[in-house]
Amino acid sequence: EAPPLAVEHAGADPTWSSHDAYKAFKCEAYIATVIQVEGRAWGTLSFLSGEPRGKPFAEFDKDIVRLIAQWVSGEVGRQGAETARLEGMERQRRFLRDMVSSMTEGRFHLCLAEADLPAPLPVASDEVALGISTLRTLRTRLNGVTTELGFSPERAQDIVTTVGEASMNAVMHGGGGKGWVCADRKRGIVQVWIRDSGAGISEEALPKVLQKGISTANTLGHGFWLMLRTCDRIHLLTGPTGTTVVLEQERTPPVPVWLDGTV
């Protein structure tokens, strides 16, 4: 490791007085050292003055510069490692999103941000505060909307079943939440939003959401396996501040993606 460069009076030293940096900035006193990150030069830590220094830089001064440079090096390295970790998690979630979408023929959408959720359809019912005693209220309001949109009994029962499972998950695993029904009456689509403020589904548990019978405090378990078989599209956004599930059902079953050429 090279010692810090120290110059007390650049203008009085022919080597430095002719240097381009001195001509440009007129720095008379200067002390600096290279910041090393993972064995490579990352930058320079320097202190300078337009006035000459009245006495030589002491070893103590140089040690202080070295210590500050070491601290900066450690912080840069730590932040770089954290950035790499977050980027790795993001790649993992994107891979998981694509894998689950493929496994479910496009029925399940793992959302990585609020912007990935579908555009809300016009609101068709009042918001319901979810609890054990109010789960029936949300299902009843949904039944009224599906009847108005002309859903067959089978299609209506499927989405009611899905909403029952999702809202129960919000109550049991998310500590409650809220739900409301939206609809596009012209196209015959019903959309149900369910939000909670629980701890979300952990990164480790996400790959297991498609497996029947798995249920812990952090997963959707058996209920989610059933939801995939009774709902046209499921959108899931989950994190440490809560989970949002958006369920969509069309009046007429949509053409499978493997048949319409989209995959």
C-alpha atoms as a PDB file:
ATOM      1  CA  GLU A   1       0.000   0.000   0.000  1.00  0.00           C
ATOM      2  CA  ALA A   2       1.492   3.341  -1.081  1.00  0.00           C
ATOM      3  CA  PRO A   3       1.708   6.024   1.626  1.00  0.00           C
ATOM      4  CA  PRO A   4      -0.501   9.122   1.298  1.00  0.00           C
ATOM      5  CA  LEU A   5       0.792  11.794  -1.033  1.00  0.00           C
ATOM      6  CA  ALA A   6       1.519  14.960   0.955  1.00  0.00           C
ATOM      7  CA  VAL A   7       2.523  18.365  -0.442  1.00  0.00           C
ATOM      8  CA  GLU A   8       2.900  21.353   1.888  1.00  0.00           C
ATOM      9  CA  HIS A   9       3.632  24.110  -0.665  1.00  0.00           C
ATOM     10  CA  ALA A  10       3.156  23.122  -4.308  1.00  0.00           C
ATOM     11  CA  GLY A  11       4.093  26.535  -5.688  1.00  0.00           C
ATOM     12  CA  ALA A  12       7.548  26.310  -4.118  1.00  0.00           C
ATOM     13  CA  ASP A  13       8.230  22.857  -5.561  1.00  0.00           C
ATOM     14  CA  PRO A  14       9.274  22.855  -9.257  1.00  0.00           C
ATOM     15  CA  THR A  15       7.821  19.356  -9.692  1.00  0.00           C
ATOM     16  CA  TRP A  16       4.341  20.447  -8.635  1.00  0.00           C
ATOM     17  CA  SER A  17       4.310  24.094  -9.718  1.00  0.00           C
ATOM     18  CA  SER A  18       4.538  22.978 -13.354  1.00  0.00           C
ATOM     19  CA  HIS A  19       1.827  20.325 -12.958  1.00  0.00           C
ATOM     20  CA  ASP A  20      -1.416  20.860 -14.932  1.00  0.00           C
ATOM     21  CA  ALA A  21      -3.521  20.328 -11.794  1.00  0.00           C
ATOM     22  CA  TYR A  22      -1.682  23.101  -9.970  1.00  0.00           C
ATOM     23  CA  LYS A  23      -2.048  25.451 -12.929  1.00  0.00           C
ATOM     24  CA  ALA A  24      -5.786  24.733 -13.082  1.00  0.00           C
ATOM     25  CA  PHE A  25      -6.717  24.796  -9.395  1.00  0.00           C
ATOM     26  CA  LYS A  26      -3.849  26.602  -7.614  1.00  0.00           C
ATOM     27  CA  CYS A  27      -3.930  24.195  -4.675  1.00  0.00           C
ATOM     28  CA  GLU A  28      -0.923  24.899  -2.498  1.00  0.00           C
ATOM     29  CA  ALA A  29      -1.352  22.221   0.197  1.00  0.00           C
ATOM     30  CA  TYR A  30      -2.541  18.726  -0.612  1.00  0.00           C
ATOM     31  CA  ILE A  31      -2.764  15.324   1.081  1.00  0.00           C
ATOM     32  CA  ALA A  32      -4.430  12.301  -0.522  1.00  0.00           C
ATOM     33  CA  THR A  33      -4.505   8.528  -0.726  1.00  0.00           C
ATOM     34  CA  VAL A  34      -6.050   5.936  -3.025  1.00  0.00           C
ATOM     35  CA  ILE A  35      -9.260   4.177  -1.911  1.00  0.00           C
ATOM     36  CA  GLN A  36      -8.987   0.454  -2.601  1.00  0.00           C
ATOM     37  CA  VAL A  37     -12.125  -1.702  -2.930  1.00  0.00           C
ATOM     38  CA  GLU A  38     -11.609  -5.453  -3.267  1.00  0.00           C
ATOM     39  CA  GLY A  39      -7.980  -4.962  -4.230  1.00  0.00           C
ATOM     40  CA  ARG A  40      -8.626  -2.403  -6.977  1.00  0.00           C
ATOM     41  CA  ALA A  41      -8.372   1.377  -7.051  1.00  0.00           C
ATOM     42  CA  TRP A  42     -11.895   2.802  -6.661  1.00  0.00           C
ATOM     43  CA  GLY A  43     -11.130   6.504  -6.177  1.00  0.00           C
ATOM     44  CA  THR A  44      -9.100   9.060  -4.286  1.00  0.00           C
ATOM     45  CA  LEU A  45      -9.613  10.641  -0.880  1.00  0.00           C
ATOM     46  CA  SER A  46      -8.007  14.093  -0.881  1.00  0.00           C
ATOM     47  CA  PHE A  47      -7.851  17.230   1.250  1.00  0.00           C
ATOM     48  CA  LEU A  48      -6.534  20.463  -0.232  1.00  0.00           C
ATOM     49  CA  SER A  49      -6.093  24.143   0.493  1.00  0.00           C
ATOM     50  CA  GLY A  50      -5.391  27.248  -1.520  1.00  0.00           C
ATOM     51  CA  GLU A  51      -2.922  28.359   1.145  1.00  0.00           C
ATOM     52  CA  PRO A  52       0.500  26.782   1.795  1.00  0.00           C
ATOM     53  CA  ARG A  53       0.828  24.672   4.926  1.00  0.00           C
ATOM     54  CA  GLY A  54       3.092  26.210   7.524  1.00  0.00           C
ATOM     55  CA  LYS A  55       4.566  22.898   8.685  1.00  0.00           C
ATOM     56  CA  PRO A  56       5.113  19.405   7.232  1.00  0.00           C
ATOM     57  CA  PHE A  57       2.333  16.820   7.425  1.00  0.00           C
ATOM     58  CA  ALA A  58       2.973  14.564  10.404  1.00  0.00           C
ATOM     59  CA  GLU A  59       2.594  10.775  10.421  1.00  0.00           C
ATOM     60  CA  PHE A  60      -0.540  11.294  12.526  1.00  0.00           C
ATOM     61  CA  ASP A  61      -2.091  13.348   9.696  1.00  0.00           C
ATOM     62  CA  LYS A  62      -1.303  10.581   7.205  1.00  0.00           C
ATOM     63  CA  ASP A  63      -2.708   7.919   9.526  1.00  0.00           C
ATOM     64  CA  ILE A  64      -5.993   9.839   9.782  1.00  0.00           C
ATOM     65  CA  VAL A  65      -6.243   9.978   5.981  1.00  0.00           C
ATOM     66  CA  ARG A  66      -5.528   6.226   5.780  1.00  0.00           C
ATOM     67  CA  LEU A  67      -8.222   5.440   8.374  1.00  0.00           C
ATOM     68  CA  ILE A  68     -10.843   7.526   6.598  1.00  0.00           C
ATOM     69  CA  ALA A  69      -9.961   5.845   3.291  1.00  0.00           C
ATOM     70  CA  GLN A  70     -10.303   2.414   4.900  1.00  0.00           C
ATOM     71  CA  TRP A  71     -13.724   3.347   6.290  1.00  0.00           C
ATOM     72  CA  VAL A  72     -14.880   4.589   2.862  1.00  0.00           C
ATOM     73  CA  SER A  73     -13.553   1.399   1.277  1.00  0.00           C
ATOM     74  CA  GLY A  74     -15.527  -0.729   3.738  1.00  0.00           C
ATOM     75  CA  GLU A  75     -18.747   1.222   3.163  1.00  0.00           C
ATOM     76  CA  VAL A  76     -18.416   1.040  -0.612  1.00  0.00           C
ATOM     77  CA  GLY A  77     -17.781  -2.701  -0.406  1.00  0.00           C
ATOM     78  CA  ARG A  78     -20.746  -3.224   1.923  1.00  0.00           C
ATOM     79  CA  GLN A  79     -23.104  -1.228  -0.288  1.00  0.00           C
ATOM     80  CA  GLY A  80     -21.878  -3.114  -3.346  1.00  0.00           C
ATOM     81  CA  ALA A  81     -22.574  -6.446  -1.668  1.00  0.00           C
ATOM     82  CA  GLU A  82     -26.057  -5.281  -0.625  1.00  0.00           C
ATOM     83  CA  THR A  83     -26.821  -4.096  -4.155  1.00  0.00           C
ATOM     84  CA  ALA A  84     -25.705  -7.446  -5.545  1.00  0.00           C
ATOM     85  CA  ARG A  85     -27.886  -9.268  -3.003  1.00  0.00           C
ATOM     86  CA  LEU A  86     -30.977  -7.225  -3.900  1.00  0.00           C
ATOM     87  CA  GLU A  87     -30.355  -7.684  -7.611  1.00  0.00           C
ATOM     88  CA  GLY A  88     -30.070 -11.427  -7.043  1.00  0.00           C
ATOM     89  CA  MET A  89     -33.387 -11.470  -5.178  1.00  0.00           C
ATOM     90  CA  GLU A  90     -35.018  -9.499  -7.982  1.00  0.00           C
ATOM     91  CA  ARG A  91     -33.767 -11.985 -10.591  1.00  0.00           C
ATOM     92  CA  GLN A  92     -35.019 -14.849  -8.444  1.00  0.00           C
ATOM     93  CA  ARG A  93     -38.489 -13.315  -8.126  1.00  0.00           C
ATOM     94  CA  ARG A  94     -38.672 -12.649 -11.873  1.00  0.00           C
ATOM     95  CA  PHE A  95     -37.680 -16.229 -12.593  1.00  0.00           C
ATOM     96  CA  LEU A  96     -40.271 -17.472 -10.111  1.00  0.00           C
ATOM     97  CA  ARG A  97     -42.930 -15.200 -11.660  1.00  0.00           C
ATOM     98  CA  ASP A  98     -42.249 -16.557 -15.155  1.00  0.00           C
ATOM     99  CA  MET A  99     -42.065 -20.164 -13.948  1.00  0.00           C
ATOM    100  CA  VAL A 100     -45.367 -20.014 -12.040  1.00  0.00           C
ATOM    101  CA  SER A 101     -47.114 -18.254 -14.936  1.00  0.00           C
ATOM    102  CA  SER A 102     -45.964 -21.011 -17.279  1.00  0.00           C
ATOM    103  CA  MET A 103     -46.952 -23.794 -14.872  1.00  0.00           C
ATOM    104  CA  THR A 104     -50.476 -22.360 -14.531  1.00  0.00           C
ATOM    105  CA  GLU A 105     -50.921 -21.564 -18.251  1.00  0.00           C
ATOM    106  CA  GLY A 106     -51.034 -17.846 -17.499  1.00  0.00           C
ATOM    107  CA  ARG A 107     -53.697 -18.060 -14.795  1.00  0.00           C
ATOM    108  CA  PHE A 108     -51.409 -16.941 -11.968  1.00  0.00           C
ATOM    109  CA  HIS A 109     -49.521 -13.624 -12.006  1.00  0.00           C
ATOM    110  CA  LEU A 110     -46.907 -12.970  -9.316  1.00  0.00           C
ATOM    111  CA  CYS A 111     -46.661  -9.172  -9.142  1.00  0.00           C
ATOM    112  CA  LEU A 112     -43.352  -7.600  -8.168  1.00  0.00           C
ATOM    113  CA  ALA A 113     -44.764  -4.089  -7.636  1.00  0.00           C
ATOM    114  CA  GLU A 114     -48.094  -2.285  -7.289  1.00  0.00           C
ATOM    115  CA  ALA A 115     -47.883  -1.297 -10.960  1.00  0.00           C
ATOM    116  CA  ASP A 116     -47.990  -4.993 -11.953  1.00  0.00           C
ATOM    117  CA  LEU A 117     -51.515  -5.402 -10.576  1.00  0.00           C
ATOM    118  CA  PRO A 118     -54.349  -5.207 -13.124  1.00  0.00           C
ATOM    119  CA  ALA A 119     -56.158  -1.936 -13.745  1.00  0.00           C
ATOM    120  CA  PRO A 120     -59.164  -1.749 -11.392  1.00  0.00           C
ATOM    121  CA  LEU A 121     -62.551  -2.179 -13.036  1.00  0.00           C
ATOM    122  CA  PRO A 122     -65.472   0.059 -11.984  1.00  0.00           C
ATOM    123  CA  VAL A 123     -66.432  -0.533  -8.356  1.00  0.00           C
ATOM    124  CA  ALA A 124     -69.588  -2.641  -8.068  1.00  0.00           C
ATOM    125  CA  SER A 125     -69.997  -2.964  -4.272  1.00  0.00           C
ATOM    126  CA  ASP A 126     -69.092  -1.266  -1.026  1.00  0.00           C
ATOM    127  CA  GLU A 127     -65.862  -2.217   0.708  1.00  0.00           C
ATOM    128  CA  VAL A 128     -66.154  -4.953   3.331  1.00  0.00           C
ATOM    129  CA  ALA A 129     -63.914  -5.061   6.418  1.00  0.00           C
ATOM    130  CA  LEU A 130     -62.916  -8.718   6.516  1.00  0.00           C
ATOM    131  CA  GLY A 131     -63.345 -10.779   9.654  1.00  0.00           C
ATOM    132  CA  ILE A 132     -64.818 -14.151  10.505  1.00  0.00           C
ATOM    133  CA  SER A 133     -68.289 -12.647  10.846  1.00  0.00           C
ATOM    134  CA  THR A 134     -68.140 -10.662   7.569  1.00  0.00           C
ATOM    135  CA  LEU A 135     -66.806 -13.256   5.105  1.00  0.00           C
ATOM    136  CA  ARG A 136     -70.373 -14.106   4.109  1.00  0.00           C
ATOM    137  CA  THR A 137     -71.080 -10.411   3.413  1.00  0.00           C
ATOM    138  CA  LEU A 138     -68.406 -10.217   0.686  1.00  0.00           C
ATOM    139  CA  ARG A 139     -69.618 -13.456  -0.908  1.00  0.00           C
ATOM    140  CA  THR A 140     -73.223 -12.233  -0.855  1.00  0.00           C
ATOM    141  CA  ARG A 141     -72.305  -8.984  -2.608  1.00  0.00           C
ATOM    142  CA  LEU A 142     -70.306 -10.936  -5.173  1.00  0.00           C
ATOM    143  CA  ASN A 143     -73.293 -13.204  -5.821  1.00  0.00           C
ATOM    144  CA  GLY A 144     -75.430 -10.156  -6.539  1.00  0.00           C
ATOM    145  CA  VAL A 145     -72.932  -8.850  -9.103  1.00  0.00           C
ATOM    146  CA  THR A 146     -72.509 -12.197 -10.894  1.00  0.00           C
ATOM    147  CA  THR A 147     -76.301 -12.535 -11.112  1.00  0.00           C
ATOM    148  CA  GLU A 148     -76.551  -9.048 -12.606  1.00  0.00           C
ATOM    149  CA  LEU A 149     -73.845  -9.921 -15.174  1.00  0.00           C
ATOM    150  CA  GLY A 150     -75.609 -13.123 -16.212  1.00  0.00           C
ATOM    151  CA  PHE A 151     -73.070 -15.646 -14.923  1.00  0.00           C
ATOM    152  CA  SER A 152     -74.103 -19.293 -15.041  1.00  0.00           C
ATOM    153  CA  PRO A 153     -74.557 -20.916 -11.610  1.00  0.00           C
ATOM    154  CA  GLU A 154     -71.353 -22.924 -12.132  1.00  0.00           C
ATOM    155  CA  ARG A 155     -69.217 -19.905 -13.094  1.00  0.00           C
ATOM    156  CA  ALA A 156     -70.667 -17.855 -10.236  1.00  0.00           C
ATOM    157  CA  GLN A 157     -70.047 -20.622  -7.698  1.00  0.00           C
ATOM    158  CA  ASP A 158     -66.443 -20.988  -8.837  1.00  0.00           C
ATOM    159  CA  ILE A 159     -65.559 -17.321  -8.222  1.00  0.00           C
ATOM    160  CA  VAL A 160     -67.485 -17.309  -4.930  1.00  0.00           C
ATOM    161  CA  THR A 161     -65.421 -20.317  -3.828  1.00  0.00           C
ATOM    162  CA  THR A 162     -62.192 -18.578  -4.832  1.00  0.00           C
ATOM    163  CA  VAL A 163     -63.107 -15.378  -3.006  1.00  0.00           C
ATOM    164  CA  GLY A 164     -64.077 -17.379   0.079  1.00  0.00           C
ATOM    165  CA  GLU A 165     -60.626 -19.004   0.174  1.00  0.00           C
ATOM    166  CA  ALA A 166     -58.728 -15.744  -0.480  1.00  0.00           C
ATOM    167  CA  SER A 167     -60.662 -13.750   2.107  1.00  0.00           C
ATOM    168  CA  MET A 168     -60.241 -16.530   4.666  1.00  0.00           C
ATOM    169  CA  ASN A 169     -56.484 -16.402   4.062  1.00  0.00           C
ATOM    170  CA  ALA A 170     -56.549 -12.644   4.694  1.00  0.00           C
ATOM    171  CA  VAL A 171     -58.332 -13.203   8.000  1.00  0.00           C
ATOM    172  CA  MET A 172     -56.314 -16.216   9.181  1.00  0.00           C
ATOM    173  CA  HIS A 173     -52.838 -15.258   7.959  1.00  0.00           C
ATOM    174  CA  GLY A 174     -53.094 -11.494   7.461  1.00  0.00           C
ATOM    175  CA  GLY A 175     -55.008 -10.562  10.591  1.00  0.00           C
ATOM    176  CA  GLY A 176     -58.016  -9.304   8.628  1.00  0.00           C
ATOM    177  CA  GLY A 177     -58.205  -6.887   5.753  1.00  0.00           C
ATOM    178  CA  LYS A 178     -60.686  -5.493   3.299  1.00  0.00           C
ATOM    179  CA  GLY A 179     -62.360  -6.661   0.121  1.00  0.00           C
ATOM    180  CA  TRP A 180     -64.532  -5.193  -2.594  1.00  0.00           C
ATOM    181  CA  VAL A 181     -66.079  -6.208  -5.913  1.00  0.00           C
ATOM    182  CA  CYS A 182     -65.486  -4.509  -9.269  1.00  0.00           C
ATOM    183  CA  ALA A 183     -67.047  -5.355 -12.612  1.00  0.00           C
ATOM    184  CA  ASP A 184     -67.073  -4.622 -16.322  1.00  0.00           C
ATOM    185  CA  ARG A 185     -70.739  -5.102 -17.157  1.00  0.00           C
ATOM    186  CA  LYS A 186     -70.254  -4.727 -20.896  1.00  0.00           C
ATOM    187  CA  ARG A 187     -67.572  -7.425 -21.173  1.00  0.00           C
ATOM    188  CA  GLY A 188     -69.025  -9.585 -18.415  1.00  0.00           C
ATOM    189  CA  ILE A 189     -65.980  -9.629 -16.103  1.00  0.00           C
ATOM    190  CA  VAL A 190     -66.031  -9.585 -12.324  1.00  0.00           C
ATOM    191  CA  GLN A 191     -62.935  -8.551 -10.373  1.00  0.00           C
ATOM    192  CA  VAL A 192     -62.496  -8.927  -6.600  1.00  0.00           C
ATOM    193  CA  TRP A 193     -59.782  -7.115  -4.622  1.00  0.00           C
ATOM    194  CA  ILE A 194     -58.642  -8.420  -1.236  1.00  0.00           C
ATOM    195  CA  ARG A 195     -55.953  -6.633   0.804  1.00  0.00           C
ATOM    196  CA  ASP A 196     -54.443  -7.330   4.191  1.00  0.00           C
ATOM    197  CA  SER A 197     -51.635  -5.811   6.270  1.00  0.00           C
ATOM    198  CA  GLY A 198     -50.030  -9.049   7.434  1.00  0.00           C
ATOM    199  CA  ALA A 199     -46.419 -10.185   7.161  1.00  0.00           C
ATOM    200  CA  GLY A 200     -46.871 -11.456   3.609  1.00  0.00           C
ATOM    201  CA  ILE A 201     -45.701 -14.710   2.051  1.00  0.00           C
ATOM    202  CA  SER A 202     -42.004 -15.355   2.576  1.00  0.00           C
ATOM    203  CA  GLU A 203     -39.556 -15.733  -0.323  1.00  0.00           C
ATOM    204  CA  GLU A 204     -38.948 -19.330   0.730  1.00  0.00           C
ATOM    205  CA  ALA A 205     -42.656 -20.172   0.723  1.00  0.00           C
ATOM    206  CA  LEU A 206     -43.544 -18.650  -2.659  1.00  0.00           C
ATOM    207  CA  PRO A 207     -42.365 -21.634  -4.747  1.00  0.00           C
ATOM    208  CA  LYS A 208     -44.689 -23.879  -2.709  1.00  0.00           C
ATOM    209  CA  VAL A 209     -47.936 -22.012  -3.382  1.00  0.00           C
ATOM    210  CA  LEU A 210     -48.951 -24.401  -6.156  1.00  0.00           C
ATOM    211  CA  GLN A 211     -48.593 -27.519  -4.022  1.00  0.00           C
ATOM    212  CA  LYS A 212     -51.735 -29.033  -2.598  1.00  0.00           C
ATOM    213  CA  GLY A 213     -52.016 -29.279   1.159  1.00  0.00           C
ATOM    214  CA  ILE A 214     -49.082 -27.073   2.186  1.00  0.00           C
ATOM    215  CA  SER A 215     -50.217 -24.507   4.729  1.00  0.00           C
ATOM    216  CA  THR A 216     -48.236 -22.486   7.266  1.00  0.00           C
ATOM    217  CA  ALA A 217     -48.593 -19.046   8.753  1.00  0.00           C
ATOM    218  CA  ASN A 218     -46.823 -17.610   5.693  1.00  0.00           C
ATOM    219  CA  THR A 219     -48.453 -19.518   2.808  1.00  0.00           C
ATOM    220  CA  LEU A 220     -51.799 -19.746   1.073  1.00  0.00           C
ATOM    221  CA  GLY A 221     -51.678 -23.527   1.397  1.00  0.00           C
ATOM    222  CA  HIS A 222     -54.488 -25.800   0.242  1.00  0.00           C
ATOM    223  CA  GLY A 223     -56.792 -22.832  -0.377  1.00  0.00           C
ATOM    224  CA  PHE A 224     -54.547 -21.447  -3.093  1.00  0.00           C
ATOM    225  CA  TRP A 225     -54.374 -24.818  -4.867  1.00  0.00           C
ATOM    226  CA  LEU A 226     -58.173 -24.766  -4.986  1.00  0.00           C
ATOM    227  CA  MET A 227     -58.308 -21.128  -6.135  1.00  0.00           C
ATOM    228  CA  LEU A 228     -56.243 -21.942  -9.224  1.00  0.00           C
ATOM    229  CA  ARG A 229     -58.892 -24.427 -10.271  1.00  0.00           C
ATOM    230  CA  THR A 230     -61.895 -22.157  -9.808  1.00  0.00           C
ATOM    231  CA  CYS A 231     -60.688 -18.747 -11.048  1.00  0.00           C
ATOM    232  CA  ASP A 232     -59.691 -17.468 -14.498  1.00  0.00           C
ATOM    233  CA  ARG A 233     -56.858 -15.203 -13.309  1.00  0.00           C
ATOM    234  CA  ILE A 234     -55.150 -14.612  -9.968  1.00  0.00           C
ATOM    235  CA  HIS A 235     -52.809 -11.684  -9.305  1.00  0.00           C
ATOM    236  CA  LEU A 236     -50.702 -11.779  -6.126  1.00  0.00           C
ATOM    237  CA  LEU A 237     -48.583  -8.981  -4.660  1.00  0.00           C
ATOM    238  CA  THR A 238     -47.020  -9.842  -1.320  1.00  0.00           C
ATOM    239  CA  GLY A 239     -44.383  -8.386   0.956  1.00  0.00           C
ATOM    240  CA  PRO A 240     -43.594  -7.632   4.603  1.00  0.00           C
ATOM    241  CA  THR A 241     -46.275  -4.907   4.754  1.00  0.00           C
ATOM    242  CA  GLY A 242     -49.145  -6.993   3.436  1.00  0.00           C
ATOM    243  CA  THR A 243     -50.686  -8.985   0.597  1.00  0.00           C
ATOM    244  CA  THR A 244     -53.008  -7.995  -2.231  1.00  0.00           C
ATOM    245  CA  VAL A 245     -54.921 -10.614  -4.199  1.00  0.00           C
ATOM    246  CA  VAL A 246     -56.926  -9.670  -7.294  1.00  0.00           C
ATOM    247  CA  LEU A 247     -59.284 -12.339  -8.655  1.00  0.00           C
ATOM    248  CA  GLU A 248     -60.850 -12.100 -12.106  1.00  0.00           C
ATOM    249  CA  GLN A 249     -63.621 -14.213 -13.597  1.00  0.00           C
ATOM    250  CA  GLU A 250     -65.261 -13.884 -17.002  1.00  0.00           C
ATOM    251  CA  ARG A 251     -68.867 -14.690 -17.762  1.00  0.00           C
ATOM    252  CA  THR A 252     -67.667 -17.114 -20.456  1.00  0.00           C
ATOM    253  CA  PRO A 253     -64.581 -19.257 -19.778  1.00  0.00           C
ATOM    254  CA  PRO A 254     -61.593 -17.747 -21.621  1.00  0.00           C
ATOM    255  CA  VAL A 255     -59.755 -19.674 -24.307  1.00  0.00           C
ATOM    256  CA  PRO A 256     -56.720 -21.446 -22.783  1.00  0.00           C
ATOM    257  CA  VAL A 257     -53.445 -19.674 -23.578  1.00  0.00           C
ATOM    258  CA  TRP A 258     -52.023 -22.828 -25.167  1.00  0.00           C
ATOM    259  CA  LEU A 259     -54.911 -22.729 -27.636  1.00  0.00           C
ATOM    260  CA  ASP A 260     -55.000 -18.993 -28.428  1.00  0.00           C
ATOM    261  CA  GLY A 261     -51.322 -18.897 -29.417  1.00  0.00           C
ATOM    262  CA  THR A 262     -50.069 -16.503 -26.707  1.00  0.00           C
ATOM    263  CA  VAL A 263     -47.531 -19.017 -25.366  1.00  0.00           C
END
